[in-house]
Amino acid sequence: MATYQLDITREHCPMTFVKTKIELAKLKAGDTLEVLLSEGEPLENVPRTSREQGYDVLGIEPAGDRIYKVIIQK
C-alpha cells in the first residue's frame, strides 16, 4: 500500500472533486490519498462525494490556516 498527496487548496468546486477523482482512479486498492483542501465547500463536498463514490474517508484533520487534510482510501 502506498500513500499519495494532492494539493487542491487553490481549486474551487466542482474542480476539487474532479481532480480528487482523477487521482483516486490512479491508485491501487488499499492505497491512500491525502488531499489538502480549503475549508468551506471543498471540505464539505470532497469527503461526502468520496463516500458516495465508494471510497473510505479515514480522517479529516487540520493542516494549516483554513487548510485541511482529508485522508481517503481506495
PDB file of N, CA and C in Angstrom:
ATOM      1  N   MET A   1       0.839  -1.187   0.000  1.00  0.00           N
ATOM      2  CA  MET A   1       0.000   0.000   0.000  1.00  0.00           C
ATOM      3  C   MET A   1       0.881   1.246   0.000  1.00  0.00           C
ATOM      4  N   ALA A   2       0.437   2.228  -0.719  1.00  0.00           N
ATOM      5  CA  ALA A   2       1.191   3.473  -0.837  1.00  0.00           C
ATOM      6  C   ALA A   2       0.287   4.648  -0.477  1.00  0.00           C
ATOM      7  N   THR A   3       0.931   5.757  -0.143  1.00  0.00           N
ATOM      8  CA  THR A   3       0.208   6.985   0.173  1.00  0.00           C
ATOM      9  C   THR A   3       0.635   8.066  -0.816  1.00  0.00           C
ATOM     10  N   TYR A   4      -0.344   8.740  -1.373  1.00  0.00           N
ATOM     11  CA  TYR A   4      -0.107   9.810  -2.337  1.00  0.00           C
ATOM     12  C   TYR A   4      -0.703  11.100  -1.804  1.00  0.00           C
ATOM     13  N   GLN A   5      -0.237  12.228  -2.334  1.00  0.00           N
ATOM     14  CA  GLN A   5      -0.744  13.523  -1.882  1.00  0.00           C
ATOM     15  C   GLN A   5      -1.243  14.334  -3.062  1.00  0.00           C
ATOM     16  N   LEU A   6      -2.279  15.134  -2.792  1.00  0.00           N
ATOM     17  CA  LEU A   6      -2.865  16.010  -3.790  1.00  0.00           C
ATOM     18  C   LEU A   6      -3.197  17.332  -3.108  1.00  0.00           C
ATOM     19  N   ASP A   7      -2.712  18.426  -3.673  1.00  0.00           N
ATOM     20  CA  ASP A   7      -2.988  19.753  -3.122  1.00  0.00           C
ATOM     21  C   ASP A   7      -3.995  20.451  -4.031  1.00  0.00           C
ATOM     22  N   ILE A   8      -5.221  20.636  -3.523  1.00  0.00           N
ATOM     23  CA  ILE A   8      -6.254  21.333  -4.294  1.00  0.00           C
ATOM     24  C   ILE A   8      -6.707  22.591  -3.548  1.00  0.00           C
ATOM     25  N   THR A   9      -5.803  23.157  -2.760  1.00  0.00           N
ATOM     26  CA  THR A   9      -6.163  24.323  -1.955  1.00  0.00           C
ATOM     27  C   THR A   9      -6.496  25.542  -2.816  1.00  0.00           C
ATOM     28  N   ARG A  10      -6.035  25.576  -4.054  1.00  0.00           N
ATOM     29  CA  ARG A  10      -6.315  26.720  -4.926  1.00  0.00           C
ATOM     30  C   ARG A  10      -7.485  26.454  -5.875  1.00  0.00           C
ATOM     31  N   GLU A  11      -8.074  25.273  -5.779  1.00  0.00           N
ATOM     32  CA  GLU A  11      -9.175  24.900  -6.673  1.00  0.00           C
ATOM     33  C   GLU A  11     -10.523  25.239  -6.036  1.00  0.00           C
ATOM     34  N   HIS A  12     -11.544  25.314  -6.880  1.00  0.00           N
ATOM     35  CA  HIS A  12     -12.910  25.575  -6.432  1.00  0.00           C
ATOM     36  C   HIS A  12     -13.827  24.485  -6.972  1.00  0.00           C
ATOM     37  N   CYS A  13     -14.939  24.263  -6.296  1.00  0.00           N
ATOM     38  CA  CYS A  13     -15.921  23.273  -6.744  1.00  0.00           C
ATOM     39  C   CYS A  13     -16.441  23.683  -8.116  1.00  0.00           C
ATOM     40  N   PRO A  14     -16.676  22.757  -9.024  1.00  0.00           N
ATOM     41  CA  PRO A  14     -16.610  21.308  -8.843  1.00  0.00           C
ATOM     42  C   PRO A  14     -15.235  20.714  -9.130  1.00  0.00           C
ATOM     43  N   MET A  15     -14.245  21.540  -9.465  1.00  0.00           N
ATOM     44  CA  MET A  15     -12.925  21.010  -9.821  1.00  0.00           C
ATOM     45  C   MET A  15     -12.246  20.300  -8.654  1.00  0.00           C
ATOM     46  N   THR A  16     -12.615  20.626  -7.428  1.00  0.00           N
ATOM     47  CA  THR A  16     -11.976  19.975  -6.284  1.00  0.00           C
ATOM     48  C   THR A  16     -12.203  18.466  -6.332  1.00  0.00           C
ATOM     49  N   PHE A  17     -13.450  18.043  -6.544  1.00  0.00           N
ATOM     50  CA  PHE A  17     -13.666  16.597  -6.576  1.00  0.00           C
ATOM     51  C   PHE A  17     -13.244  15.996  -7.904  1.00  0.00           C
ATOM     52  N   VAL A  18     -13.344  16.729  -8.996  1.00  0.00           N
ATOM     53  CA  VAL A  18     -12.901  16.203 -10.292  1.00  0.00           C
ATOM     54  C   VAL A  18     -11.426  15.815 -10.207  1.00  0.00           C
ATOM     55  N   LYS A  19     -10.595  16.701  -9.676  1.00  0.00           N
ATOM     56  CA  LYS A  19      -9.157  16.404  -9.555  1.00  0.00           C
ATOM     57  C   LYS A  19      -8.913  15.270  -8.558  1.00  0.00           C
ATOM     58  N   THR A  20      -9.696  15.249  -7.468  1.00  0.00           N
ATOM     59  CA  THR A  20      -9.563  14.168  -6.484  1.00  0.00           C
ATOM     60  C   THR A  20      -9.917  12.832  -7.126  1.00  0.00           C
ATOM     61  N   LYS A  21     -11.004  12.788  -7.872  1.00  0.00           N
ATOM     62  CA  LYS A  21     -11.453  11.541  -8.512  1.00  0.00           C
ATOM     63  C   LYS A  21     -10.424  11.033  -9.513  1.00  0.00           C
ATOM     64  N   ILE A  22      -9.814  11.946 -10.276  1.00  0.00           N
ATOM     65  CA  ILE A  22      -8.779  11.547 -11.246  1.00  0.00           C
ATOM     66  C   ILE A  22      -7.610  10.883 -10.520  1.00  0.00           C
ATOM     67  N   GLU A  23      -7.183  11.466  -9.401  1.00  0.00           N
ATOM     68  CA  GLU A  23      -6.070  10.887  -8.636  1.00  0.00           C
ATOM     69  C   GLU A  23      -6.457   9.550  -8.013  1.00  0.00           C
ATOM     70  N   LEU A  24      -7.675   9.457  -7.474  1.00  0.00           N
ATOM     71  CA  LEU A  24      -8.128   8.199  -6.870  1.00  0.00           C
ATOM     72  C   LEU A  24      -8.174   7.080  -7.906  1.00  0.00           C
ATOM     73  N   ALA A  25      -8.538   7.412  -9.126  1.00  0.00           N
ATOM     74  CA  ALA A  25      -8.620   6.397 -10.187  1.00  0.00           C
ATOM     75  C   ALA A  25      -7.258   5.784 -10.488  1.00  0.00           C
ATOM     76  N   LYS A  26      -6.183   6.504 -10.223  1.00  0.00           N
ATOM     77  CA  LYS A  26      -4.824   6.020 -10.488  1.00  0.00           C
ATOM     78  C   LYS A  26      -4.328   5.050  -9.417  1.00  0.00           C
ATOM     79  N   LEU A  27      -4.986   5.055  -8.257  1.00  0.00           N
ATOM     80  CA  LEU A  27      -4.500   4.257  -7.129  1.00  0.00           C
ATOM     81  C   LEU A  27      -4.903   2.796  -7.239  1.00  0.00           C
ATOM     82  N   LYS A  28      -4.150   1.958  -6.533  1.00  0.00           N
ATOM     83  CA  LYS A  28      -4.493   0.547  -6.395  1.00  0.00           C
ATOM     84  C   LYS A  28      -5.335   0.385  -5.138  1.00  0.00           C
ATOM     85  N   ALA A  29      -6.099  -0.679  -5.062  1.00  0.00           N
ATOM     86  CA  ALA A  29      -6.921  -0.951  -3.883  1.00  0.00           C
ATOM     87  C   ALA A  29      -6.040  -0.958  -2.637  1.00  0.00           C
ATOM     88  N   GLY A  30      -6.473  -0.249  -1.604  1.00  0.00           N
ATOM     89  CA  GLY A  30      -5.725  -0.174  -0.358  1.00  0.00           C
ATOM     90  C   GLY A  30      -4.825   1.044  -0.254  1.00  0.00           C
ATOM     91  N   ASP A  31      -4.508   1.673  -1.389  1.00  0.00           N
ATOM     92  CA  ASP A  31      -3.699   2.893  -1.360  1.00  0.00           C
ATOM     93  C   ASP A  31      -4.500   4.034  -0.745  1.00  0.00           C
ATOM     94  N   THR A  32      -3.790   5.027  -0.228  1.00  0.00           N
ATOM     95  CA  THR A  32      -4.468   6.193   0.338  1.00  0.00           C
ATOM     96  C   THR A  32      -4.021   7.458  -0.380  1.00  0.00           C
ATOM     97  N   LEU A  33      -4.940   8.425  -0.383  1.00  0.00           N
ATOM     98  CA  LEU A  33      -4.682   9.725  -0.975  1.00  0.00           C
ATOM     99  C   LEU A  33      -4.928  10.773   0.101  1.00  0.00           C
ATOM    100  N   GLU A  34      -3.908  11.589   0.368  1.00  0.00           N
ATOM    101  CA  GLU A  34      -4.039  12.693   1.319  1.00  0.00           C
ATOM    102  C   GLU A  34      -4.313  13.954   0.513  1.00  0.00           C
ATOM    103  N   VAL A  35      -5.520  14.496   0.667  1.00  0.00           N
ATOM    104  CA  VAL A  35      -5.948  15.647  -0.114  1.00  0.00           C
ATOM    105  C   VAL A  35      -5.906  16.888   0.770  1.00  0.00           C
ATOM    106  N   LEU A  36      -5.103  17.877   0.376  1.00  0.00           N
ATOM    107  CA  LEU A  36      -5.083  19.164   1.066  1.00  0.00           C
ATOM    108  C   LEU A  36      -6.100  20.068   0.395  1.00  0.00           C
ATOM    109  N   LEU A  37      -7.032  20.603   1.193  1.00  0.00           N
ATOM    110  CA  LEU A  37      -8.064  21.453   0.632  1.00  0.00           C
ATOM    111  C   LEU A  37      -8.450  22.556   1.597  1.00  0.00           C
ATOM    112  N   SER A  38      -9.165  23.533   1.081  1.00  0.00           N
ATOM    113  CA  SER A  38      -9.596  24.670   1.888  1.00  0.00           C
ATOM    114  C   SER A  38     -10.886  24.348   2.617  1.00  0.00           C
ATOM    115  N   GLU A  39     -11.107  25.065   3.733  1.00  0.00           N
ATOM    116  CA  GLU A  39     -12.360  24.874   4.452  1.00  0.00           C
ATOM    117  C   GLU A  39     -13.505  25.425   3.615  1.00  0.00           C
ATOM    118  N   GLY A  40     -14.723  25.114   4.025  1.00  0.00           N
ATOM    119  CA  GLY A  40     -15.887  25.566   3.285  1.00  0.00           C
ATOM    120  C   GLY A  40     -16.382  24.490   2.347  1.00  0.00           C
ATOM    121  N   GLU A  41     -16.786  24.903   1.156  1.00  0.00           N
ATOM    122  CA  GLU A  41     -17.386  23.986   0.198  1.00  0.00           C
ATOM    123  C   GLU A  41     -16.514  22.776  -0.137  1.00  0.00           C
ATOM    124  N   PRO A  42     -15.202  22.944  -0.418  1.00  0.00           N
ATOM    125  CA  PRO A  42     -14.384  21.756  -0.697  1.00  0.00           C
ATOM    126  C   PRO A  42     -14.349  20.770   0.472  1.00  0.00           C
ATOM    127  N   LEU A  43     -14.254  21.288   1.690  1.00  0.00           N
ATOM    128  CA  LEU A  43     -14.199  20.425   2.870  1.00  0.00           C
ATOM    129  C   LEU A  43     -15.516  19.686   3.081  1.00  0.00           C
ATOM    130  N   GLU A  44     -16.612  20.282   2.693  1.00  0.00           N
ATOM    131  CA  GLU A  44     -17.912  19.613   2.793  1.00  0.00           C
ATOM    132  C   GLU A  44     -18.107  18.600   1.669  1.00  0.00           C
ATOM    133  N   ASN A  45     -17.749  18.996   0.443  1.00  0.00           N
ATOM    134  CA  ASN A  45     -18.079  18.187  -0.730  1.00  0.00           C
ATOM    135  C   ASN A  45     -17.141  17.024  -1.006  1.00  0.00           C
ATOM    136  N   VAL A  46     -15.836  17.215  -0.854  1.00  0.00           N
ATOM    137  CA  VAL A  46     -14.897  16.148  -1.220  1.00  0.00           C
ATOM    138  C   VAL A  46     -15.086  14.895  -0.356  1.00  0.00           C
ATOM    139  N   PRO A  47     -15.151  15.001   0.987  1.00  0.00           N
ATOM    140  CA  PRO A  47     -15.382  13.779   1.767  1.00  0.00           C
ATOM    141  C   PRO A  47     -16.739  13.129   1.466  1.00  0.00           C
ATOM    142  N   ARG A  48     -17.779  13.938   1.352  1.00  0.00           N
ATOM    143  CA  ARG A  48     -19.120  13.387   1.100  1.00  0.00           C
ATOM    144  C   ARG A  48     -19.168  12.672  -0.251  1.00  0.00           C
ATOM    145  N   THR A  49     -18.656  13.321  -1.291  1.00  0.00           N
ATOM    146  CA  THR A  49     -18.689  12.736  -2.622  1.00  0.00           C
ATOM    147  C   THR A  49     -17.790  11.506  -2.701  1.00  0.00           C
ATOM    148  N   SER A  50     -16.673  11.524  -1.996  1.00  0.00           N
ATOM    149  CA  SER A  50     -15.789  10.350  -1.972  1.00  0.00           C
ATOM    150  C   SER A  50     -16.515   9.145  -1.391  1.00  0.00           C
ATOM    151  N   ARG A  51     -17.227   9.358  -0.293  1.00  0.00           N
ATOM    152  CA  ARG A  51     -18.007   8.259   0.311  1.00  0.00           C
ATOM    153  C   ARG A  51     -19.076   7.765  -0.660  1.00  0.00           C
ATOM    154  N   GLU A  52     -19.760   8.708  -1.325  1.00  0.00           N
ATOM    155  CA  GLU A  52     -20.804   8.333  -2.282  1.00  0.00           C
ATOM    156  C   GLU A  52     -20.241   7.508  -3.436  1.00  0.00           C
ATOM    157  N   GLN A  53     -18.985   7.730  -3.784  1.00  0.00           N
ATOM    158  CA  GLN A  53     -18.326   7.008  -4.879  1.00  0.00           C
ATOM    159  C   GLN A  53     -17.745   5.666  -4.414  1.00  0.00           C
ATOM    160  N   GLY A  54     -17.881   5.349  -3.115  1.00  0.00           N
ATOM    161  CA  GLY A  54     -17.431   4.065  -2.607  1.00  0.00           C
ATOM    162  C   GLY A  54     -16.056   4.046  -1.970  1.00  0.00           C
ATOM    163  N   TYR A  55     -15.458   5.203  -1.767  1.00  0.00           N
ATOM    164  CA  TYR A  55     -14.145   5.273  -1.118  1.00  0.00           C
ATOM    165  C   TYR A  55     -14.324   5.433   0.386  1.00  0.00           C
ATOM    166  N   ASP A  56     -13.305   5.060   1.146  1.00  0.00           N
ATOM    167  CA  ASP A  56     -13.323   5.202   2.605  1.00  0.00           C
ATOM    168  C   ASP A  56     -12.602   6.482   3.000  1.00  0.00           C
ATOM    169  N   VAL A  57     -13.284   7.347   3.723  1.00  0.00           N
ATOM    170  CA  VAL A  57     -12.654   8.548   4.264  1.00  0.00           C
ATOM    171  C   VAL A  57     -12.135   8.182   5.651  1.00  0.00           C
ATOM    172  N   LEU A  58     -10.814   8.071   5.775  1.00  0.00           N
ATOM    173  CA  LEU A  58     -10.197   7.604   7.017  1.00  0.00           C
ATOM    174  C   LEU A  58     -10.051   8.705   8.052  1.00  0.00           C
ATOM    175  N   GLY A  59      -9.995   9.957   7.605  1.00  0.00           N
ATOM    176  CA  GLY A  59      -9.836  11.033   8.567  1.00  0.00           C
ATOM    177  C   GLY A  59      -9.822  12.392   7.919  1.00  0.00           C
ATOM    178  N   ILE A  60     -10.131  13.377   8.750  1.00  0.00           N
ATOM    179  CA  ILE A  60     -10.063  14.781   8.348  1.00  0.00           C
ATOM    180  C   ILE A  60      -9.356  15.506   9.477  1.00  0.00           C
ATOM    181  N   GLU A  61      -8.263  16.202   9.158  1.00  0.00           N
ATOM    182  CA  GLU A  61      -7.507  16.869  10.214  1.00  0.00           C
ATOM    183  C   GLU A  61      -7.011  18.233   9.748  1.00  0.00           C
ATOM    184  N   PRO A  62      -6.881  19.178  10.675  1.00  0.00           N
ATOM    185  CA  PRO A  62      -6.349  20.498  10.318  1.00  0.00           C
ATOM    186  C   PRO A  62      -4.913  20.371   9.803  1.00  0.00           C
ATOM    187  N   ALA A  63      -4.577  21.187   8.794  1.00  0.00           N
ATOM    188  CA  ALA A  63      -3.235  21.135   8.224  1.00  0.00           C
ATOM    189  C   ALA A  63      -2.658  22.533   8.029  1.00  0.00           C
ATOM    190  N   GLY A  64      -3.260  23.519   8.656  1.00  0.00           N
ATOM    191  CA  GLY A  64      -2.777  24.886   8.498  1.00  0.00           C
ATOM    192  C   GLY A  64      -3.927  25.858   8.651  1.00  0.00           C
ATOM    193  N   ASP A  65      -3.681  27.100   8.305  1.00  0.00           N
ATOM    194  CA  ASP A  65      -4.687  28.142   8.422  1.00  0.00           C
ATOM    195  C   ASP A  65      -5.780  27.942   7.380  1.00  0.00           C
ATOM    196  N   ARG A  66      -6.941  27.468   7.823  1.00  0.00           N
ATOM    197  CA  ARG A  66      -8.107  27.221   6.966  1.00  0.00           C
ATOM    198  C   ARG A  66      -7.855  26.137   5.918  1.00  0.00           C
ATOM    199  N   ILE A  67      -6.842  25.302   6.168  1.00  0.00           N
ATOM    200  CA  ILE A  67      -6.494  24.187   5.275  1.00  0.00           C
ATOM    201  C   ILE A  67      -6.675  22.891   6.047  1.00  0.00           C
ATOM    202  N   TYR A  68      -7.223  21.885   5.382  1.00  0.00           N
ATOM    203  CA  TYR A  68      -7.453  20.583   5.997  1.00  0.00           C
ATOM    204  C   TYR A  68      -6.868  19.477   5.129  1.00  0.00           C
ATOM    205  N   LYS A  69      -6.549  18.354   5.790  1.00  0.00           N
ATOM    206  CA  LYS A  69      -6.095  17.166   5.077  1.00  0.00           C
ATOM    207  C   LYS A  69      -7.178  16.103   5.227  1.00  0.00           C
ATOM    208  N   VAL A  70      -7.674  15.642   4.093  1.00  0.00           N
ATOM    209  CA  VAL A  70      -8.666  14.569   4.055  1.00  0.00           C
ATOM    210  C   VAL A  70      -7.946  13.323   3.574  1.00  0.00           C
ATOM    211  N   ILE A  71      -8.024  12.247   4.350  1.00  0.00           N
ATOM    212  CA  ILE A  71      -7.333  11.000   4.008  1.00  0.00           C
ATOM    213  C   ILE A  71      -8.376  10.025   3.474  1.00  0.00           C
ATOM    214  N   ILE A  72      -8.193   9.644   2.208  1.00  0.00           N
ATOM    215  CA  ILE A  72      -9.134   8.786   1.510  1.00  0.00           C
ATOM    216  C   ILE A  72      -8.436   7.500   1.084  1.00  0.00           C
ATOM    217  N   GLN A  73      -9.089   6.369   1.346  1.00  0.00           N
ATOM    218  CA  GLN A  73      -8.514   5.080   0.937  1.00  0.00           C
ATOM    219  C   GLN A  73      -9.355   4.473  -0.182  1.00  0.00           C
ATOM    220  N   LYS A  74      -8.647   3.937  -1.175  1.00  0.00           N
ATOM    221  CA  LYS A  74      -9.345   3.298  -2.293  1.00  0.00           C
ATOM    222  C   LYS A  74      -9.676   1.875  -1.930  1.00  0.00           C
TER     223      LYS A  74
END
